[in-house]
Structures are given as structure tokens and as C-alpha cells.
Amino acid sequence: MTAYTIKLQPALTMTDEQFYQLCITNPDLKFERNAQGDLLIMPPTGGETGNRNVELATEFVL
């Protein structure tokens, strides 16, 4: 799956509070911001990633 990048600047700047509200308003989407202020819309993790995370967690516990 592909992450989508939306370049907000210079047309729009988003404060931390506005970003937080965007995330709260859209709980089914995963948003990130990079150092340049771009908004990244990340795809949800799938079964393969979940399985890999479980394997890694098991390695640390055992």
C-alpha cells in the first residue's frame, strides 16, 4: 500500500492542535507529519505486518 503525501505549505500551515483535531475527527485514518510540515496519510497495517510484529515481540519476551 502507498502512503499519500499532501504538501500543505505555503498555502496552509497547521498547528499541533489543528493536526490533533484532524486526527480525532478521522479515527479510521492514520495521519503523520514530516519535518517539512507535509501531511502523510498512511495505509493501515495489514495482517503481514501484524504477524511480523508478533514474531518480534515474541523474540524479546523469550
PDB file of N, CA and C in Angstrom:
ATOM      1  N   MET A   1       0.841  -1.179   0.000  1.00  0.00           N
ATOM      2  CA  MET A   1       0.000   0.000   0.000  1.00  0.00           C
ATOM      3  C   MET A   1       0.885   1.242   0.000  1.00  0.00           C
ATOM      4  N   THR A   2       0.352   2.297  -0.502  1.00  0.00           N
ATOM      5  CA  THR A   2       1.113   3.522  -0.662  1.00  0.00           C
ATOM      6  C   THR A   2       0.637   4.590   0.313  1.00  0.00           C
ATOM      7  N   ALA A   3       1.592   5.319   0.865  1.00  0.00           N
ATOM      8  CA  ALA A   3       1.256   6.484   1.688  1.00  0.00           C
ATOM      9  C   ALA A   3       1.096   7.672   0.752  1.00  0.00           C
ATOM     10  N   TYR A   4       0.163   8.522   1.039  1.00  0.00           N
ATOM     11  CA  TYR A   4      -0.065   9.725   0.245  1.00  0.00           C
ATOM     12  C   TYR A   4       0.497  10.924   0.986  1.00  0.00           C
ATOM     13  N   THR A   5       1.205  11.783   0.268  1.00  0.00           N
ATOM     14  CA  THR A   5       1.787  12.985   0.843  1.00  0.00           C
ATOM     15  C   THR A   5       1.055  14.201   0.289  1.00  0.00           C
ATOM     16  N   ILE A   6       0.599  15.057   1.190  1.00  0.00           N
ATOM     17  CA  ILE A   6      -0.061  16.305   0.798  1.00  0.00           C
ATOM     18  C   ILE A   6       0.825  17.446   1.267  1.00  0.00           C
ATOM     19  N   LYS A   7       1.320  18.226   0.324  1.00  0.00           N
ATOM     20  CA  LYS A   7       2.168  19.371   0.648  1.00  0.00           C
ATOM     21  C   LYS A   7       1.267  20.551   0.995  1.00  0.00           C
ATOM     22  N   LEU A   8       1.263  20.928   2.261  1.00  0.00           N
ATOM     23  CA  LEU A   8       0.376  21.986   2.737  1.00  0.00           C
ATOM     24  C   LEU A   8       0.981  23.379   2.564  1.00  0.00           C
ATOM     25  N   GLN A   9       2.275  23.491   2.765  1.00  0.00           N
ATOM     26  CA  GLN A   9       2.918  24.814   2.741  1.00  0.00           C
ATOM     27  C   GLN A   9       3.311  25.176   1.319  1.00  0.00           C
ATOM     28  N   PRO A  10       3.229  26.377   0.885  1.00  0.00           N
ATOM     29  CA  PRO A  10       2.972  27.593   1.644  1.00  0.00           C
ATOM     30  C   PRO A  10       1.496  27.978   1.731  1.00  0.00           C
ATOM     31  N   ALA A  11       0.620  27.191   1.136  1.00  0.00           N
ATOM     32  CA  ALA A  11      -0.800  27.552   1.112  1.00  0.00           C
ATOM     33  C   ALA A  11      -1.458  27.456   2.479  1.00  0.00           C
ATOM     34  N   LEU A  12      -0.981  26.537   3.310  1.00  0.00           N
ATOM     35  CA  LEU A  12      -1.638  26.288   4.589  1.00  0.00           C
ATOM     36  C   LEU A  12      -0.606  25.828   5.610  1.00  0.00           C
ATOM     37  N   THR A  13      -0.713  26.330   6.800  1.00  0.00           N
ATOM     38  CA  THR A  13       0.089  25.815   7.909  1.00  0.00           C
ATOM     39  C   THR A  13      -0.874  25.227   8.934  1.00  0.00           C
ATOM     40  N   MET A  14      -0.424  24.186   9.626  1.00  0.00           N
ATOM     41  CA  MET A  14      -1.275  23.503  10.575  1.00  0.00           C
ATOM     42  C   MET A  14      -0.567  23.465  11.936  1.00  0.00           C
ATOM     43  N   THR A  15      -1.255  23.948  12.950  1.00  0.00           N
ATOM     44  CA  THR A  15      -0.697  23.906  14.304  1.00  0.00           C
ATOM     45  C   THR A  15      -0.809  22.476  14.842  1.00  0.00           C
ATOM     46  N   ASP A  16      -0.120  22.215  15.938  1.00  0.00           N
ATOM     47  CA  ASP A  16      -0.221  20.910  16.575  1.00  0.00           C
ATOM     48  C   ASP A  16      -1.660  20.616  16.996  1.00  0.00           C
ATOM     49  N   GLU A  17      -2.337  21.619  17.504  1.00  0.00           N
ATOM     50  CA  GLU A  17      -3.736  21.442  17.930  1.00  0.00           C
ATOM     51  C   GLU A  17      -4.632  21.133  16.734  1.00  0.00           C
ATOM     52  N   GLN A  18      -4.438  21.808  15.602  1.00  0.00           N
ATOM     53  CA  GLN A  18      -5.235  21.532  14.404  1.00  0.00           C
ATOM     54  C   GLN A  18      -4.969  20.120  13.888  1.00  0.00           C
ATOM     55  N   PHE A  19      -3.705  19.700  13.928  1.00  0.00           N
ATOM     56  CA  PHE A  19      -3.356  18.348  13.499  1.00  0.00           C
ATOM     57  C   PHE A  19      -4.024  17.319  14.426  1.00  0.00           C
ATOM     58  N   TYR A  20      -3.977  17.580  15.713  1.00  0.00           N
ATOM     59  CA  TYR A  20      -4.620  16.699  16.688  1.00  0.00           C
ATOM     60  C   TYR A  20      -6.125  16.581  16.408  1.00  0.00           C
ATOM     61  N   GLN A  21      -6.779  17.711  16.154  1.00  0.00           N
ATOM     62  CA  GLN A  21      -8.210  17.713  15.865  1.00  0.00           C
ATOM     63  C   GLN A  21      -8.513  16.949  14.580  1.00  0.00           C
ATOM     64  N   LEU A  22      -7.646  17.079  13.578  1.00  0.00           N
ATOM     65  CA  LEU A  22      -7.813  16.331  12.327  1.00  0.00           C
ATOM     66  C   LEU A  22      -7.761  14.833  12.600  1.00  0.00           C
ATOM     67  N   CYS A  23      -6.818  14.417  13.421  1.00  0.00           N
ATOM     68  CA  CYS A  23      -6.682  13.001  13.769  1.00  0.00           C
ATOM     69  C   CYS A  23      -7.888  12.493  14.554  1.00  0.00           C
ATOM     70  N   ILE A  24      -8.355  13.285  15.510  1.00  0.00           N
ATOM     71  CA  ILE A  24      -9.516  12.903  16.328  1.00  0.00           C
ATOM     72  C   ILE A  24     -10.785  12.819  15.482  1.00  0.00           C
ATOM     73  N   THR A  25     -10.923  13.723  14.536  1.00  0.00           N
ATOM     74  CA  THR A  25     -12.107  13.773  13.687  1.00  0.00           C
ATOM     75  C   THR A  25     -12.151  12.618  12.685  1.00  0.00           C
ATOM     76  N   ASN A  26     -10.977  12.056  12.366  1.00  0.00           N
ATOM     77  CA  ASN A  26     -10.883  10.980  11.380  1.00  0.00           C
ATOM     78  C   ASN A  26     -10.193   9.753  11.987  1.00  0.00           C
ATOM     79  N   PRO A  27     -10.834   9.084  12.931  1.00  0.00           N
ATOM     80  CA  PRO A  27     -10.158   7.999  13.653  1.00  0.00           C
ATOM     81  C   PRO A  27      -9.808   6.789  12.793  1.00  0.00           C
ATOM     82  N   ASP A  28     -10.442   6.637  11.634  1.00  0.00           N
ATOM     83  CA  ASP A  28     -10.160   5.486  10.777  1.00  0.00           C
ATOM     84  C   ASP A  28      -8.935   5.694   9.895  1.00  0.00           C
ATOM     85  N   LEU A  29      -8.397   6.914   9.883  1.00  0.00           N
ATOM     86  CA  LEU A  29      -7.227   7.217   9.067  1.00  0.00           C
ATOM     87  C   LEU A  29      -6.007   7.404   9.949  1.00  0.00           C
ATOM     88  N   LYS A  30      -4.836   7.091   9.413  1.00  0.00           N
ATOM     89  CA  LYS A  30      -3.593   7.274  10.154  1.00  0.00           C
ATOM     90  C   LYS A  30      -2.819   8.412   9.499  1.00  0.00           C
ATOM     91  N   PHE A  31      -2.707   9.533  10.217  1.00  0.00           N
ATOM     92  CA  PHE A  31      -2.002  10.706   9.718  1.00  0.00           C
ATOM     93  C   PHE A  31      -0.642  10.826  10.387  1.00  0.00           C
ATOM     94  N   GLU A  32       0.314  11.361   9.637  1.00  0.00           N
ATOM     95  CA  GLU A  32       1.615  11.732  10.180  1.00  0.00           C
ATOM     96  C   GLU A  32       2.001  13.050   9.538  1.00  0.00           C
ATOM     97  N   ARG A  33       2.927  13.751  10.185  1.00  0.00           N
ATOM     98  CA  ARG A  33       3.514  14.961   9.583  1.00  0.00           C
ATOM     99  C   ARG A  33       5.018  14.788   9.589  1.00  0.00           C
ATOM    100  N   ASN A  34       5.662  15.249   8.516  1.00  0.00           N
ATOM    101  CA  ASN A  34       7.116  15.182   8.485  1.00  0.00           C
ATOM    102  C   ASN A  34       7.704  16.532   8.886  1.00  0.00           C
ATOM    103  N   ALA A  35       9.023  16.623   8.896  1.00  0.00           N
ATOM    104  CA  ALA A  35       9.716  17.840   9.342  1.00  0.00           C
ATOM    105  C   ALA A  35       9.408  19.040   8.459  1.00  0.00           C
ATOM    106  N   GLN A  36       9.040  18.813   7.216  1.00  0.00           N
ATOM    107  CA  GLN A  36       8.711  19.910   6.301  1.00  0.00           C
ATOM    108  C   GLN A  36       7.266  20.384   6.457  1.00  0.00           C
ATOM    109  N   GLY A  37       6.494  19.721   7.309  1.00  0.00           N
ATOM    110  CA  GLY A  37       5.107  20.116   7.518  1.00  0.00           C
ATOM    111  C   GLY A  37       4.132  19.444   6.568  1.00  0.00           C
ATOM    112  N   ASP A  38       4.626  18.507   5.749  1.00  0.00           N
ATOM    113  CA  ASP A  38       3.745  17.785   4.834  1.00  0.00           C
ATOM    114  C   ASP A  38       2.863  16.822   5.623  1.00  0.00           C
ATOM    115  N   LEU A  39       1.660  16.640   5.165  1.00  0.00           N
ATOM    116  CA  LEU A  39       0.712  15.726   5.785  1.00  0.00           C
ATOM    117  C   LEU A  39       0.814  14.385   5.068  1.00  0.00           C
ATOM    118  N   LEU A  40       1.051  13.324   5.816  1.00  0.00           N
ATOM    119  CA  LEU A  40       1.148  11.981   5.251  1.00  0.00           C
ATOM    120  C   LEU A  40      -0.062  11.183   5.689  1.00  0.00           C
ATOM    121  N   ILE A  41      -0.727  10.568   4.728  1.00  0.00           N
ATOM    122  CA  ILE A  41      -1.853   9.687   5.025  1.00  0.00           C
ATOM    123  C   ILE A  41      -1.330   8.273   4.826  1.00  0.00           C
ATOM    124  N   MET A  42      -1.220   7.543   5.933  1.00  0.00           N
ATOM    125  CA  MET A  42      -0.614   6.222   5.921  1.00  0.00           C
ATOM    126  C   MET A  42      -1.686   5.148   5.790  1.00  0.00           C
ATOM    127  N   PRO A  43      -1.374   4.077   5.050  1.00  0.00           N
ATOM    128  CA  PRO A  43      -2.329   2.973   4.974  1.00  0.00           C
ATOM    129  C   PRO A  43      -2.336   2.203   6.286  1.00  0.00           C
ATOM    130  N   PRO A  44      -3.450   1.576   6.614  1.00  0.00           N
ATOM    131  CA  PRO A  44      -3.479   0.772   7.838  1.00  0.00           C
ATOM    132  C   PRO A  44      -2.568  -0.436   7.687  1.00  0.00           C
ATOM    133  N   THR A  45      -2.016  -0.901   8.790  1.00  0.00           N
ATOM    134  CA  THR A  45      -1.178  -2.088   8.725  1.00  0.00           C
ATOM    135  C   THR A  45      -2.051  -3.293   8.470  1.00  0.00           C
ATOM    136  N   GLY A  46      -1.524  -4.225   7.720  1.00  0.00           N
ATOM    137  CA  GLY A  46      -2.282  -5.415   7.376  1.00  0.00           C
ATOM    138  C   GLY A  46      -1.862  -6.613   8.199  1.00  0.00           C
ATOM    139  N   GLY A  47      -2.356  -7.768   7.842  1.00  0.00           N
ATOM    140  CA  GLY A  47      -2.068  -8.988   8.565  1.00  0.00           C
ATOM    141  C   GLY A  47      -0.596  -9.346   8.557  1.00  0.00           C
ATOM    142  N   GLU A  48       0.085  -9.106   7.434  1.00  0.00           N
ATOM    143  CA  GLU A  48       1.504  -9.438   7.343  1.00  0.00           C
ATOM    144  C   GLU A  48       2.323  -8.636   8.355  1.00  0.00           C
ATOM    145  N   THR A  49       2.044  -7.347   8.461  1.00  0.00           N
ATOM    146  CA  THR A  49       2.752  -6.504   9.425  1.00  0.00           C
ATOM    147  C   THR A  49       2.431  -6.933  10.847  1.00  0.00           C
ATOM    148  N   GLY A  50       1.179  -7.247  11.114  1.00  0.00           N
ATOM    149  CA  GLY A  50       0.787  -7.699  12.439  1.00  0.00           C
ATOM    150  C   GLY A  50       1.505  -8.989  12.818  1.00  0.00           C
ATOM    151  N   ASN A  51       1.605  -9.911  11.877  1.00  0.00           N
ATOM    152  CA  ASN A  51       2.311 -11.170  12.143  1.00  0.00           C
ATOM    153  C   ASN A  51       3.785 -10.915  12.431  1.00  0.00           C
ATOM    154  N   ARG A  52       4.400 -10.028  11.683  1.00  0.00           N
ATOM    155  CA  ARG A  52       5.808  -9.691  11.890  1.00  0.00           C
ATOM    156  C   ARG A  52       6.010  -9.051  13.264  1.00  0.00           C
ATOM    157  N   ASN A  53       5.082  -8.188  13.666  1.00  0.00           N
ATOM    158  CA  ASN A  53       5.181  -7.552  14.980  1.00  0.00           C
ATOM    159  C   ASN A  53       5.059  -8.567  16.109  1.00  0.00           C
ATOM    160  N   VAL A  54       4.187  -9.554  15.949  1.00  0.00           N
ATOM    161  CA  VAL A  54       4.032 -10.593  16.961  1.00  0.00           C
ATOM    162  C   VAL A  54       5.316 -11.423  17.059  1.00  0.00           C
ATOM    163  N   GLU A  55       5.904 -11.743  15.927  1.00  0.00           N
ATOM    164  CA  GLU A  55       7.152 -12.510  15.929  1.00  0.00           C
ATOM    165  C   GLU A  55       8.261 -11.737  16.639  1.00  0.00           C
ATOM    166  N   LEU A  56       8.356 -10.441  16.367  1.00  0.00           N
ATOM    167  CA  LEU A  56       9.372  -9.617  17.027  1.00  0.00           C
ATOM    168  C   LEU A  56       9.130  -9.538  18.532  1.00  0.00           C
ATOM    169  N   ALA A  57       7.890  -9.357  18.918  1.00  0.00           N
ATOM    170  CA  ALA A  57       7.557  -9.268  20.343  1.00  0.00           C
ATOM    171  C   ALA A  57       7.901 -10.578  21.046  1.00  0.00           C
ATOM    172  N   THR A  58       7.648 -11.688  20.383  1.00  0.00           N
ATOM    173  CA  THR A  58       7.967 -12.987  20.961  1.00  0.00           C
ATOM    174  C   THR A  58       9.464 -13.135  21.182  1.00  0.00           C
ATOM    175  N   GLU A  59      10.252 -12.661  20.226  1.00  0.00           N
ATOM    176  CA  GLU A  59      11.711 -12.724  20.359  1.00  0.00           C
ATOM    177  C   GLU A  59      12.184 -11.968  21.593  1.00  0.00           C
ATOM    178  N   PHE A  60      11.595 -10.839  21.875  1.00  0.00           N
ATOM    179  CA  PHE A  60      12.003 -10.032  23.026  1.00  0.00           C
ATOM    180  C   PHE A  60      11.568 -10.647  24.358  1.00  0.00           C
ATOM    181  N   VAL A  61      10.419 -11.302  24.371  1.00  0.00           N
ATOM    182  CA  VAL A  61       9.894 -11.878  25.594  1.00  0.00           C
ATOM    183  C   VAL A  61      10.618 -13.175  25.942  1.00  0.00           C
ATOM    184  N   LEU A  62      10.873 -13.990  24.939  1.00  0.00           N
ATOM    185  CA  LEU A  62      11.502 -15.281  25.196  1.00  0.00           C
ATOM    186  C   LEU A  62      12.978 -15.068  25.277  1.00  0.00           C
TER     187      LEU A  62
END
